[in-house]
């Protein structure tokens, strides 16, 4: 469970960070109309990591 938890956490953080770094220089077409979707996608990965962490023993 630890690798799954870390994978979700890292992917969520990377998604948010990458969007904010690259989104300023290269427009991401499917996220331009809804600018807060990047946060929803990133935080869903972080929330999944927290859900999985409750199963970790």
C-alpha atoms as a PDB file:
ATOM      1  CA  UNK A   1       0.000   0.000   0.000  1.00  0.00           C
ATOM      2  CA  UNK A   2       2.896   2.346   0.604  1.00  0.00           C
ATOM      3  CA  UNK A   3       3.938   2.483  -3.082  1.00  0.00           C
ATOM      4  CA  UNK A   4       0.346   3.193  -4.137  1.00  0.00           C
ATOM      5  CA  UNK A   5      -0.007   5.938  -1.533  1.00  0.00           C
ATOM      6  CA  UNK A   6       3.272   7.586  -2.513  1.00  0.00           C
ATOM      7  CA  UNK A   7       2.447   7.310  -6.212  1.00  0.00           C
ATOM      8  CA  UNK A   8      -0.895   9.096  -5.817  1.00  0.00           C
ATOM      9  CA  UNK A   9       0.679  11.762  -3.600  1.00  0.00           C
ATOM     10  CA  UNK A  10       3.613  12.440  -5.907  1.00  0.00           C
ATOM     11  CA  UNK A  11       1.436  12.485  -9.035  1.00  0.00           C
ATOM     12  CA  UNK A  12      -0.949  14.972  -7.411  1.00  0.00           C
ATOM     13  CA  UNK A  13       1.868  17.290  -6.387  1.00  0.00           C
ATOM     14  CA  UNK A  14       3.585  16.965  -9.761  1.00  0.00           C
ATOM     15  CA  UNK A  15       0.345  17.684 -11.629  1.00  0.00           C
ATOM     16  CA  UNK A  16      -0.247  20.920  -9.716  1.00  0.00           C
ATOM     17  CA  UNK A  17       3.395  22.015  -9.886  1.00  0.00           C
ATOM     18  CA  UNK A  18       3.802  21.183 -13.560  1.00  0.00           C
ATOM     19  CA  UNK A  19       0.626  22.980 -14.502  1.00  0.00           C
ATOM     20  CA  UNK A  20       1.675  26.155 -12.710  1.00  0.00           C
ATOM     21  CA  UNK A  21       5.188  26.100 -14.164  1.00  0.00           C
ATOM     22  CA  UNK A  22       4.346  25.102 -17.734  1.00  0.00           C
ATOM     23  CA  UNK A  23       0.862  26.650 -17.837  1.00  0.00           C
ATOM     24  CA  UNK A  24       2.382  30.127 -17.839  1.00  0.00           C
ATOM     25  CA  UNK A  25       4.440  29.437 -20.971  1.00  0.00           C
ATOM     26  CA  UNK A  26       2.487  26.796 -22.888  1.00  0.00           C
ATOM     27  CA  UNK A  27      -1.303  26.996 -22.792  1.00  0.00           C
ATOM     28  CA  UNK A  28      -2.946  23.684 -21.914  1.00  0.00           C
ATOM     29  CA  UNK A  29      -5.958  23.659 -24.219  1.00  0.00           C
ATOM     30  CA  UNK A  30      -8.377  21.499 -22.246  1.00  0.00           C
ATOM     31  CA  UNK A  31      -7.711  23.376 -18.991  1.00  0.00           C
ATOM     32  CA  UNK A  32      -7.852  26.932 -20.327  1.00  0.00           C
ATOM     33  CA  UNK A  33     -11.632  27.191 -20.130  1.00  0.00           C
ATOM     34  CA  UNK A  34     -11.799  25.860 -16.559  1.00  0.00           C
ATOM     35  CA  UNK A  35      -8.660  27.099 -14.782  1.00  0.00           C
ATOM     36  CA  UNK A  36      -9.483  25.435 -11.463  1.00  0.00           C
ATOM     37  CA  UNK A  37      -9.666  21.921 -12.911  1.00  0.00           C
ATOM     38  CA  UNK A  38      -5.931  21.547 -12.463  1.00  0.00           C
ATOM     39  CA  UNK A  39      -6.413  21.910  -8.718  1.00  0.00           C
ATOM     40  CA  UNK A  40      -9.262  19.405  -8.741  1.00  0.00           C
ATOM     41  CA  UNK A  41      -7.131  16.851 -10.593  1.00  0.00           C
ATOM     42  CA  UNK A  42      -4.082  17.437  -8.392  1.00  0.00           C
ATOM     43  CA  UNK A  43      -5.959  17.393  -5.112  1.00  0.00           C
ATOM     44  CA  UNK A  44      -7.858  14.274  -6.127  1.00  0.00           C
ATOM     45  CA  UNK A  45      -4.500  12.494  -6.285  1.00  0.00           C
ATOM     46  CA  UNK A  46      -3.570  13.813  -2.857  1.00  0.00           C
ATOM     47  CA  UNK A  47      -6.962  12.842  -1.429  1.00  0.00           C
ATOM     48  CA  UNK A  48      -6.610   9.346  -2.907  1.00  0.00           C
ATOM     49  CA  UNK A  49      -3.228   9.072  -1.183  1.00  0.00           C
ATOM     50  CA  UNK A  50      -4.850   9.992   2.129  1.00  0.00           C
ATOM     51  CA  UNK A  51      -7.623   7.442   1.598  1.00  0.00           C
ATOM     52  CA  UNK A  52      -5.096   4.731   0.788  1.00  0.00           C
ATOM     53  CA  UNK A  53      -2.993   5.700   3.813  1.00  0.00           C
ATOM     54  CA  UNK A  54      -5.842   4.740   6.141  1.00  0.00           C
ATOM     55  CA  UNK A  55      -5.437   1.147   4.893  1.00  0.00           C
ATOM     56  CA  UNK A  56      -1.675   1.103   5.517  1.00  0.00           C
ATOM     57  CA  UNK A  57      -0.503  -1.070   8.395  1.00  0.00           C
END
